[in-house]
PDB file of N, CA and C in Angstrom:
ATOM      1  N   MET A   1      70.259  91.912 126.301  1.00  0.00           N
ATOM      2  CA  MET A   1      71.045  91.442 127.328  1.00  0.00           C
ATOM      3  C   MET A   1      70.145  91.662 128.376  1.00  0.00           C
ATOM      4  N   PRO A   2      69.915  90.912 129.381  1.00  0.00           N
ATOM      5  CA  PRO A   2      69.138  91.208 130.664  1.00  0.00           C
ATOM      6  C   PRO A   2      69.841  91.955 131.668  1.00  0.00           C
ATOM      7  N   VAL A   3      68.860  92.601 132.515  1.00  0.00           N
ATOM      8  CA  VAL A   3      69.643  93.447 133.557  1.00  0.00           C
ATOM      9  C   VAL A   3      70.192  92.414 134.506  1.00  0.00           C
ATOM     10  N   ALA A   4      71.320  92.728 135.022  1.00  0.00           N
ATOM     11  CA  ALA A   4      72.027  91.969 136.028  1.00  0.00           C
ATOM     12  C   ALA A   4      71.524  92.893 137.526  1.00  0.00           C
ATOM     13  N   VAL A   5      70.459  92.479 138.218  1.00  0.00           N
ATOM     14  CA  VAL A   5      70.040  93.301 139.290  1.00  0.00           C
ATOM     15  C   VAL A   5      70.085  92.095 140.596  1.00  0.00           C
ATOM     16  N   LYS A   6      70.772  92.522 141.601  1.00  0.00           N
ATOM     17  CA  LYS A   6      71.029  91.987 142.889  1.00  0.00           C
ATOM     18  C   LYS A   6      70.333  92.781 143.995  1.00  0.00           C
ATOM     19  N   PHE A   7      69.180  92.175 144.355  1.00  0.00           N
ATOM     20  CA  PHE A   7      68.463  92.988 145.633  1.00  0.00           C
ATOM     21  C   PHE A   7      68.820  92.443 146.930  1.00  0.00           C
ATOM     22  N   SER A   8      68.971  93.287 147.589  1.00  0.00           N
ATOM     23  CA  SER A   8      69.170  92.862 149.069  1.00  0.00           C
ATOM     24  C   SER A   8      68.367  92.047 149.562  1.00  0.00           C
ATOM     25  N   GLU A   9      68.687  91.196 150.620  1.00  0.00           N
ATOM     26  CA  GLU A   9      67.899  90.210 151.330  1.00  0.00           C
ATOM     27  C   GLU A   9      66.746  90.864 151.797  1.00  0.00           C
ATOM     28  N   GLU A  10      66.840  91.966 152.425  1.00  0.00           N
ATOM     29  CA  GLU A  10      65.737  92.864 153.125  1.00  0.00           C
ATOM     30  C   GLU A  10      64.623  92.950 151.834  1.00  0.00           C
ATOM     31  N   PHE A  11      65.229  93.375 150.747  1.00  0.00           N
ATOM     32  CA  PHE A  11      64.228  93.647 149.729  1.00  0.00           C
ATOM     33  C   PHE A  11      63.469  92.251 149.304  1.00  0.00           C
ATOM     34  N   TYR A  12      64.182  91.104 149.241  1.00  0.00           N
ATOM     35  CA  TYR A  12      63.519  89.855 149.010  1.00  0.00           C
ATOM     36  C   TYR A  12      62.453  89.484 150.079  1.00  0.00           C
ATOM     37  N   ASP A  13      63.022  89.779 151.205  1.00  0.00           N
ATOM     38  CA  ASP A  13      62.084  89.364 152.497  1.00  0.00           C
ATOM     39  C   ASP A  13      60.607  90.212 152.435  1.00  0.00           C
ATOM     40  N   ARG A  14      60.930  91.677 152.288  1.00  0.00           N
ATOM     41  CA  ARG A  14      59.943  92.345 152.238  1.00  0.00           C
ATOM     42  C   ARG A  14      58.744  92.326 151.104  1.00  0.00           C
ATOM     43  N   PHE A  15      59.430  92.169 149.829  1.00  0.00           N
ATOM     44  CA  PHE A  15      58.363  91.742 148.554  1.00  0.00           C
ATOM     45  C   PHE A  15      58.170  90.486 148.189  1.00  0.00           C
ATOM     46  N   GLY A  16      59.267  89.495 148.534  1.00  0.00           N
ATOM     47  CA  GLY A  16      59.011  88.369 148.454  1.00  0.00           C
ATOM     48  C   GLY A  16      59.894  87.816 147.005  1.00  0.00           C
ATOM     49  N   HIS A  17      60.311  86.580 146.553  1.00  0.00           N
ATOM     50  CA  HIS A  17      60.808  86.216 145.361  1.00  0.00           C
ATOM     51  C   HIS A  17      59.994  86.576 144.145  1.00  0.00           C
ATOM     52  N   ARG A  18      58.932  86.071 144.353  1.00  0.00           N
ATOM     53  CA  ARG A  18      57.746  86.223 143.084  1.00  0.00           C
ATOM     54  C   ARG A  18      57.876  87.731 142.641  1.00  0.00           C
ATOM     55  N   LEU A  19      57.590  88.420 143.433  1.00  0.00           N
ATOM     56  CA  LEU A  19      57.152  90.033 143.170  1.00  0.00           C
ATOM     57  C   LEU A  19      58.534  90.457 142.504  1.00  0.00           C
ATOM     58  N   THR A  20      59.729  90.299 143.458  1.00  0.00           N
ATOM     59  CA  THR A  20      60.966  90.710 142.697  1.00  0.00           C
ATOM     60  C   THR A  20      61.563  90.175 141.420  1.00  0.00           C
ATOM     61  N   ASP A  21      60.943  88.803 141.203  1.00  0.00           N
ATOM     62  CA  ASP A  21      61.271  88.336 139.774  1.00  0.00           C
ATOM     63  C   ASP A  21      60.478  88.985 138.808  1.00  0.00           C
ATOM     64  N   GLU A  22      59.068  89.379 139.055  1.00  0.00           N
ATOM     65  CA  GLU A  22      58.455  89.953 138.373  1.00  0.00           C
ATOM     66  C   GLU A  22      59.007  91.469 138.060  1.00  0.00           C
ATOM     67  N   LEU A  23      59.556  92.153 138.934  1.00  0.00           N
ATOM     68  CA  LEU A  23      60.227  93.539 138.758  1.00  0.00           C
ATOM     69  C   LEU A  23      61.266  93.220 137.918  1.00  0.00           C
ATOM     70  N   VAL A  24      62.130  92.280 138.064  1.00  0.00           N
ATOM     71  CA  VAL A  24      63.407  92.164 137.364  1.00  0.00           C
ATOM     72  C   VAL A  24      63.073  91.872 135.987  1.00  0.00           C
ATOM     73  N   SER A  25      61.861  91.041 135.559  1.00  0.00           N
ATOM     74  CA  SER A  25      61.231  90.735 134.235  1.00  0.00           C
ATOM     75  C   SER A  25      60.831  91.946 133.538  1.00  0.00           C
ATOM     76  N   TYR A  26      60.240  92.718 134.371  1.00  0.00           N
ATOM     77  CA  TYR A  26      59.708  94.100 133.929  1.00  0.00           C
ATOM     78  C   TYR A  26      60.726  94.697 133.628  1.00  0.00           C
ATOM     79  N   LEU A  27      61.730  95.099 134.097  1.00  0.00           N
ATOM     80  CA  LEU A  27      62.893  95.910 133.898  1.00  0.00           C
ATOM     81  C   LEU A  27      63.802  95.590 132.846  1.00  0.00           C
ATOM     82  N   ASN A  28      63.848  94.072 132.550  1.00  0.00           N
ATOM     83  CA  ASN A  28      64.302  93.575 131.387  1.00  0.00           C
ATOM     84  C   ASN A  28      63.460  93.875 130.179  1.00  0.00           C
ATOM     85  N   GLN A  29      62.314  94.039 130.245  1.00  0.00           N
ATOM     86  CA  GLN A  29      61.298  94.401 129.166  1.00  0.00           C
ATOM     87  C   GLN A  29      61.525  95.655 128.535  1.00  0.00           C
ATOM     88  N   ILE A  30      61.566  96.789 129.715  1.00  0.00           N
ATOM     89  CA  ILE A  30      61.688  97.998 129.579  1.00  0.00           C
ATOM     90  C   ILE A  30      63.339  98.120 128.711  1.00  0.00           C
ATOM     91  N   ASP A  31      63.951  97.344 129.372  1.00  0.00           N
ATOM     92  CA  ASP A  31      65.585  97.637 128.763  1.00  0.00           C
ATOM     93  C   ASP A  31      65.640  97.168 127.215  1.00  0.00           C
ATOM     94  N   SER A  32      64.980  96.037 127.097  1.00  0.00           N
ATOM     95  CA  SER A  32      65.045  95.259 125.579  1.00  0.00           C
ATOM     96  C   SER A  32      64.124  96.635 124.693  1.00  0.00           C
ATOM     97  N   SER A  33      63.127  96.938 125.226  1.00  0.00           N
ATOM     98  CA  SER A  33      62.277  98.122 124.454  1.00  0.00           C
ATOM     99  C   SER A  33      63.253  99.327 124.279  1.00  0.00           C
ATOM    100  N   TYR A  34      63.994  99.898 125.180  1.00  0.00           N
ATOM    101  CA  TYR A  34      64.882 100.898 124.852  1.00  0.00           C
ATOM    102  C   TYR A  34      65.856 100.523 123.754  1.00  0.00           C
ATOM    103  N   ARG A  35      66.297  99.535 124.067  1.00  0.00           N
ATOM    104  CA  ARG A  35      67.703  99.176 123.153  1.00  0.00           C
ATOM    105  C   ARG A  35      67.038  98.842 121.928  1.00  0.00           C
ATOM    106  N   SER A  36      66.083  98.527 121.596  1.00  0.00           N
ATOM    107  CA  SER A  36      65.611  98.078 120.589  1.00  0.00           C
ATOM    108  C   SER A  36      65.132  99.657 119.526  1.00  0.00           C
ATOM    109  N   GLU A  37      64.496 100.507 120.248  1.00  0.00           N
ATOM    110  CA  GLU A  37      64.252 101.895 119.905  1.00  0.00           C
ATOM    111  C   GLU A  37      65.180 102.581 119.516  1.00  0.00           C
ATOM    112  N   LEU A  38      66.667 102.403 120.474  1.00  0.00           N
ATOM    113  CA  LEU A  38      67.929 103.159 120.199  1.00  0.00           C
ATOM    114  C   LEU A  38      68.414 102.701 118.791  1.00  0.00           C
ATOM    115  N   ARG A  39      68.373 101.136 118.716  1.00  0.00           N
ATOM    116  CA  ARG A  39      68.873 100.666 117.510  1.00  0.00           C
ATOM    117  C   ARG A  39      68.313 100.984 116.473  1.00  0.00           C
ATOM    118  N   GLU A  40      66.907 101.258 116.261  1.00  0.00           N
ATOM    119  CA  GLU A  40      66.151 101.682 115.182  1.00  0.00           C
ATOM    120  C   GLU A  40      66.460 103.187 115.054  1.00  0.00           C
ATOM    121  N   LEU A  41      66.464 104.032 116.063  1.00  0.00           N
ATOM    122  CA  LEU A  41      66.925 105.327 115.751  1.00  0.00           C
ATOM    123  C   LEU A  41      68.521 105.622 115.203  1.00  0.00           C
ATOM    124  N   ASN A  42      69.225 104.854 115.942  1.00  0.00           N
ATOM    125  CA  ASN A  42      70.640 104.677 115.235  1.00  0.00           C
ATOM    126  C   ASN A  42      70.714 104.363 113.944  1.00  0.00           C
ATOM    127  N   GLU A  43      69.913 103.268 113.328  1.00  0.00           N
ATOM    128  CA  GLU A  43      69.942 103.167 111.964  1.00  0.00           C
ATOM    129  C   GLU A  43      69.512 103.961 111.144  1.00  0.00           C
ATOM    130  N   LEU A  44      68.269 104.776 111.629  1.00  0.00           N
ATOM    131  CA  LEU A  44      68.016 105.900 110.726  1.00  0.00           C
ATOM    132  C   LEU A  44      68.667 107.029 110.801  1.00  0.00           C
ATOM    133  N   ASN A  45      69.397 107.330 111.714  1.00  0.00           N
ATOM    134  CA  ASN A  45      70.221 108.367 111.691  1.00  0.00           C
ATOM    135  C   ASN A  45      71.662 108.177 110.865  1.00  0.00           C
ATOM    136  N   PHE A  46      72.005 106.781 110.879  1.00  0.00           N
ATOM    137  CA  PHE A  46      72.758 106.330 110.056  1.00  0.00           C
ATOM    138  C   PHE A  46      72.703 106.489 108.373  1.00  0.00           C
ATOM    139  N   ALA A  47      71.320 105.853 108.233  1.00  0.00           N
ATOM    140  CA  ALA A  47      70.806 105.921 106.893  1.00  0.00           C
ATOM    141  C   ALA A  47      70.789 107.563 106.265  1.00  0.00           C
ATOM    142  N   ARG A  48      70.385 108.408 107.073  1.00  0.00           N
ATOM    143  CA  ARG A  48      70.302 109.765 106.966  1.00  0.00           C
ATOM    144  C   ARG A  48      71.432 110.391 106.273  1.00  0.00           C
ATOM    145  N   PHE A  49      72.593 109.890 107.380  1.00  0.00           N
ATOM    146  CA  PHE A  49      73.988 110.500 107.289  1.00  0.00           C
ATOM    147  C   PHE A  49      74.672 110.024 105.874  1.00  0.00           C
ATOM    148  N   ASP A  50      74.295 108.761 105.662  1.00  0.00           N
ATOM    149  CA  ASP A  50      74.778 107.853 104.462  1.00  0.00           C
ATOM    150  C   ASP A  50      74.024 108.763 103.220  1.00  0.00           C
ATOM    151  N   ALA A  51      72.987 108.973 103.285  1.00  0.00           N
ATOM    152  CA  ALA A  51      72.367 109.511 102.121  1.00  0.00           C
ATOM    153  C   ALA A  51      72.938 110.981 101.830  1.00  0.00           C
ATOM    154  N   LYS A  52      73.204 111.869 102.877  1.00  0.00           N
ATOM    155  CA  LYS A  52      73.856 113.077 102.807  1.00  0.00           C
ATOM    156  C   LYS A  52      75.080 113.117 102.325  1.00  0.00           C
ATOM    157  N   LEU A  53      76.048 111.944 102.874  1.00  0.00           N
ATOM    158  CA  LEU A  53      77.031 111.714 102.410  1.00  0.00           C
ATOM    159  C   LEU A  53      77.241 111.437 100.882  1.00  0.00           C
ATOM    160  N   GLU A  54      76.598 110.377 100.218  1.00  0.00           N
ATOM    161  CA  GLU A  54      76.345 110.133  98.746  1.00  0.00           C
ATOM    162  C   GLU A  54      76.050 111.398  98.172  1.00  0.00           C
ATOM    163  N   GLN A  55      75.151 111.914  98.499  1.00  0.00           N
ATOM    164  CA  GLN A  55      74.906 113.470  97.946  1.00  0.00           C
ATOM    165  C   GLN A  55      75.865 114.308  97.817  1.00  0.00           C
ATOM    166  N   ARG A  56      76.747 114.567  98.794  1.00  0.00           N
ATOM    167  CA  ARG A  56      77.852 115.275  98.751  1.00  0.00           C
ATOM    168  C   ARG A  56      79.081 114.986  98.061  1.00  0.00           C
ATOM    169  N   VAL A  57      79.278 113.726  98.153  1.00  0.00           N
ATOM    170  CA  VAL A  57      80.441 113.014  97.305  1.00  0.00           C
ATOM    171  C   VAL A  57      79.589 113.284  95.862  1.00  0.00           C
ATOM    172  N   ALA A  58      78.618 113.087  95.346  1.00  0.00           N
ATOM    173  CA  ALA A  58      78.053 113.356  94.009  1.00  0.00           C
ATOM    174  C   ALA A  58      78.421 114.684  93.634  1.00  0.00           C
ATOM    175  N   GLU A  59      77.867 115.650  94.482  1.00  0.00           N
ATOM    176  CA  GLU A  59      78.053 116.905  94.346  1.00  0.00           C
ATOM    177  C   GLU A  59      79.624 117.328  93.979  1.00  0.00           C
ATOM    178  N   LEU A  60      80.639 116.916  94.752  1.00  0.00           N
ATOM    179  CA  LEU A  60      81.869 117.151  94.687  1.00  0.00           C
ATOM    180  C   LEU A  60      82.576 116.538  93.420  1.00  0.00           C
ATOM    181  N   ARG A  61      82.089 115.323  93.297  1.00  0.00           N
ATOM    182  CA  ARG A  61      82.373 114.621  91.896  1.00  0.00           C
ATOM    183  C   ARG A  61      82.083 115.701  90.408  1.00  0.00           C
ATOM    184  N   ALA A  62      80.925 116.305  90.548  1.00  0.00           N
ATOM    185  CA  ALA A  62      80.590 116.937  89.549  1.00  0.00           C
ATOM    186  C   ALA A  62      80.995 118.156  89.638  1.00  0.00           C
ATOM    187  N   ASP A  63      81.441 118.917  90.648  1.00  0.00           N
ATOM    188  CA  ASP A  63      82.339 120.107  90.780  1.00  0.00           C
ATOM    189  C   ASP A  63      83.729 119.590  90.400  1.00  0.00           C
ATOM    190  N   LEU A  64      84.334 118.880  90.632  1.00  0.00           N
ATOM    191  CA  LEU A  64      85.646 118.250  90.168  1.00  0.00           C
ATOM    192  C   LEU A  64      85.629 117.925  88.653  1.00  0.00           C
ATOM    193  N   ARG A  65      84.610 117.497  87.986  1.00  0.00           N
ATOM    194  CA  ARG A  65      84.739 117.123  86.537  1.00  0.00           C
ATOM    195  C   ARG A  65      84.527 118.510  85.826  1.00  0.00           C
ATOM    196  N   THR A  66      83.763 119.310  86.581  1.00  0.00           N
ATOM    197  CA  THR A  66      83.392 120.700  85.784  1.00  0.00           C
ATOM    198  C   THR A  66      84.907 121.477  85.935  1.00  0.00           C
ATOM    199  N   GLU A  67      85.582 121.560  86.922  1.00  0.00           N
ATOM    200  CA  GLU A  67      86.779 122.280  86.951  1.00  0.00           C
ATOM    201  C   GLU A  67      88.090 121.484  86.119  1.00  0.00           C
ATOM    202  N   PHE A  68      87.811 120.215  85.991  1.00  0.00           N
ATOM    203  CA  PHE A  68      88.739 119.479  85.321  1.00  0.00           C
ATOM    204  C   PHE A  68      88.589 120.073  83.839  1.00  0.00           C
ATOM    205  N   HIS A  69      87.504 119.541  83.251  1.00  0.00           N
ATOM    206  CA  HIS A  69      87.113 120.289  81.749  1.00  0.00           C
ATOM    207  C   HIS A  69      87.352 121.792  81.627  1.00  0.00           C
ATOM    208  N   THR A  70      87.091 122.456  82.351  1.00  0.00           N
ATOM    209  CA  THR A  70      87.486 123.968  82.257  1.00  0.00           C
ATOM    210  C   THR A  70      88.839 124.053  82.524  1.00  0.00           C
ATOM    211  N   GLY A  71      89.433 123.615  83.179  1.00  0.00           N
ATOM    212  CA  GLY A  71      91.004 123.657  83.207  1.00  0.00           C
ATOM    213  C   GLY A  71      91.602 123.057  81.887  1.00  0.00           C
ATOM    214  N   LEU A  72      91.196 122.004  81.525  1.00  0.00           N
ATOM    215  CA  LEU A  72      91.711 121.256  80.168  1.00  0.00           C
ATOM    216  C   LEU A  72      91.379 122.089  79.174  1.00  0.00           C
ATOM    217  N   ALA A  73      90.284 122.670  79.146  1.00  0.00           N
ATOM    218  CA  ALA A  73      89.751 123.611  77.901  1.00  0.00           C
ATOM    219  C   ALA A  73      90.892 124.771  77.821  1.00  0.00           C
ATOM    220  N   ALA A  74      91.125 125.290  78.987  1.00  0.00           N
ATOM    221  CA  ALA A  74      92.019 126.457  79.213  1.00  0.00           C
ATOM    222  C   ALA A  74      93.675 126.090  78.882  1.00  0.00           C
ATOM    223  N   LEU A  75      94.015 124.640  79.204  1.00  0.00           N
ATOM    224  CA  LEU A  75      95.253 124.348  78.695  1.00  0.00           C
ATOM    225  C   LEU A  75      95.284 124.049  77.380  1.00  0.00           C
ATOM    226  N   GLU A  76      94.490 123.542  76.806  1.00  0.00           N
ATOM    227  CA  GLU A  76      94.333 123.446  75.270  1.00  0.00           C
ATOM    228  C   GLU A  76      94.206 124.704  74.351  1.00  0.00           C
ATOM    229  N   THR A  77      93.428 125.762  74.891  1.00  0.00           N
ATOM    230  CA  THR A  77      93.839 126.932  74.206  1.00  0.00           C
ATOM    231  C   THR A  77      95.378 127.421  74.354  1.00  0.00           C
ATOM    232  N   LYS A  78      95.678 127.382  75.577  1.00  0.00           N
ATOM    233  CA  LYS A  78      97.290 127.847  75.590  1.00  0.00           C
ATOM    234  C   LYS A  78      98.130 127.096  74.721  1.00  0.00           C
ATOM    235  N   LEU A  79      98.012 125.846  74.589  1.00  0.00           N
ATOM    236  CA  LEU A  79      99.020 125.159  73.764  1.00  0.00           C
ATOM    237  C   LEU A  79      98.730 125.374  72.447  1.00  0.00           C
ATOM    238  N   ILE A  80      97.605 125.799  71.928  1.00  0.00           N
ATOM    239  CA  ILE A  80      97.315 125.883  70.744  1.00  0.00           C
ATOM    240  C   ILE A  80      97.855 127.230  70.231  1.00  0.00           C
ATOM    241  N   ARG A  81      97.765 128.359  71.325  1.00  0.00           N
ATOM    242  CA  ARG A  81      98.444 129.352  70.915  1.00  0.00           C
ATOM    243  C   ARG A  81     100.230 128.891  70.832  1.00  0.00           C
ATOM    244  N   TRP A  82     100.590 128.544  71.754  1.00  0.00           N
ATOM    245  CA  TRP A  82     102.044 128.344  71.702  1.00  0.00           C
ATOM    246  C   TRP A  82     102.776 127.444  70.430  1.00  0.00           C
ATOM    247  N   MET A  83     101.769 126.547  69.859  1.00  0.00           N
ATOM    248  CA  MET A  83     102.120 125.697  68.790  1.00  0.00           C
ATOM    249  C   MET A  83     101.892 126.814  67.712  1.00  0.00           C
ATOM    250  N   PHE A  84     100.931 127.852  67.537  1.00  0.00           N
ATOM    251  CA  PHE A  84     101.165 128.722  66.413  1.00  0.00           C
ATOM    252  C   PHE A  84     102.036 129.604  66.454  1.00  0.00           C
ATOM    253  N   VAL A  85     102.447 130.061  67.763  1.00  0.00           N
ATOM    254  CA  VAL A  85     103.740 130.949  67.645  1.00  0.00           C
ATOM    255  C   VAL A  85     104.995 130.085  67.256  1.00  0.00           C
ATOM    256  N   PHE A  86     105.139 128.917  67.649  1.00  0.00           N
ATOM    257  CA  PHE A  86     106.270 128.239  67.120  1.00  0.00           C
ATOM    258  C   PHE A  86     106.252 127.757  65.805  1.00  0.00           C
ATOM    259  N   TRP A  87     105.276 127.471  65.358  1.00  0.00           N
ATOM    260  CA  TRP A  87     104.815 127.175  63.906  1.00  0.00           C
ATOM    261  C   TRP A  87     105.162 128.566  63.070  1.00  0.00           C
ATOM    262  N   ALA A  88     104.731 129.581  63.480  1.00  0.00           N
ATOM    263  CA  ALA A  88     104.778 130.742  62.619  1.00  0.00           C
ATOM    264  C   ALA A  88     106.410 131.308  62.732  1.00  0.00           C
ATOM    265  N   GLY A  89     107.056 131.004  63.975  1.00  0.00           N
ATOM    266  CA  GLY A  89     108.409 131.172  63.789  1.00  0.00           C
ATOM    267  C   GLY A  89     109.453 130.171  63.088  1.00  0.00           C
ATOM    268  N   SER A  90     108.886 129.072  63.008  1.00  0.00           N
ATOM    269  CA  SER A  90     109.535 128.088  62.253  1.00  0.00           C
ATOM    270  C   SER A  90     109.508 128.440  60.756  1.00  0.00           C
ATOM    271  N   THR A  91     108.212 128.466  60.302  1.00  0.00           N
ATOM    272  CA  THR A  91     107.807 129.028  59.095  1.00  0.00           C
ATOM    273  C   THR A  91     108.512 130.117  58.401  1.00  0.00           C
ATOM    274  N   LEU A  92     108.490 131.218  59.440  1.00  0.00           N
ATOM    275  CA  LEU A  92     109.440 132.344  59.140  1.00  0.00           C
ATOM    276  C   LEU A  92     111.123 132.097  58.872  1.00  0.00           C
ATOM    277  N   THR A  93     111.684 131.267  59.583  1.00  0.00           N
ATOM    278  CA  THR A  93     112.940 130.680  59.524  1.00  0.00           C
ATOM    279  C   THR A  93     113.258 129.993  58.335  1.00  0.00           C
ATOM    280  N   ILE A  94     112.386 129.068  58.191  1.00  0.00           N
ATOM    281  CA  ILE A  94     112.393 128.323  56.832  1.00  0.00           C
ATOM    282  C   ILE A  94     112.400 129.190  55.669  1.00  0.00           C
ATOM    283  N   LEU A  95     111.231 130.188  55.661  1.00  0.00           N
ATOM    284  CA  LEU A  95     111.358 131.176  54.265  1.00  0.00           C
ATOM    285  C   LEU A  95     112.603 131.945  54.215  1.00  0.00           C
ATOM    286  N   GLY A  96     113.048 132.508  55.441  1.00  0.00           N
ATOM    287  CA  GLY A  96     114.360 133.358  55.488  1.00  0.00           C
ATOM    288  C   GLY A  96     115.555 132.551  54.812  1.00  0.00           C
ATOM    289  N   THR A  97     115.763 131.445  55.238  1.00  0.00           N
ATOM    290  CA  THR A  97     116.619 130.484  54.849  1.00  0.00           C
ATOM    291  C   THR A  97     116.479 130.191  53.248  1.00  0.00           C
ATOM    292  N   LEU A  98     115.218 129.988  53.015  1.00  0.00           N
ATOM    293  CA  LEU A  98     115.238 129.614  51.288  1.00  0.00           C
ATOM    294  C   LEU A  98     115.448 130.919  50.684  1.00  0.00           C
ATOM    295  N   LEU A  99     114.830 132.106  50.973  1.00  0.00           N
ATOM    296  CA  LEU A  99     115.202 133.482  50.297  1.00  0.00           C
ATOM    297  C   LEU A  99     116.550 133.773  50.190  1.00  0.00           C
ATOM    298  N   ALA A 100     117.484 133.519  51.605  1.00  0.00           N
ATOM    299  CA  ALA A 100     118.885 133.340  51.598  1.00  0.00           C
ATOM    300  C   ALA A 100     119.315 132.670  50.465  1.00  0.00           C
ATOM    301  N   LEU A 101     119.161 131.486  50.156  1.00  0.00           N
ATOM    302  CA  LEU A 101     119.847 130.510  49.503  1.00  0.00           C
ATOM    303  C   LEU A 101     119.571 130.867  47.994  1.00  0.00           C
ATOM    304  N   LEU A 102     118.294 131.353  47.778  1.00  0.00           N
ATOM    305  CA  LEU A 102     117.863 131.713  46.581  1.00  0.00           C
ATOM    306  C   LEU A 102     118.869 132.795  46.043  1.00  0.00           C
ATOM    307  N   LYS A 103     119.006 133.804  46.654  1.00  0.00           N
ATOM    308  CA  LYS A 103     119.567 135.085  46.483  1.00  0.00           C
ATOM    309  C   LYS A 103     121.159 134.873  46.313  1.00  0.00           C
ATOM    310  N   GLY A 104     121.547 133.781  47.201  1.00  0.00           N
ATOM    311  CA  GLY A 104     123.022 133.635  47.182  1.00  0.00           C
ATOM    312  C   GLY A 104     123.606 132.719  45.983  1.00  0.00           C
TER     313      GLY A 104
END
């Protein structure tokens, strides 16, 4: 985007149109160069940010998977304990009922 420069008539009278146009052209080149450098810097910073973000997301996923599997293993252990308690209770109840029926 070219620089929109409007010099006063005194400036044009003092330095002339040719020199003023060269100055505007030079300023446009500088502006273009700075914009290009800024765009490259922004792209590099964004690429770095994106790489860090991807790394952190991957670490978070790994942590969540580990926590999930750990929690799932603990839940499985608790369920097996409760199943054994209910199985033992049911077995004792059935055996008690059978003994009562056989004695009666």
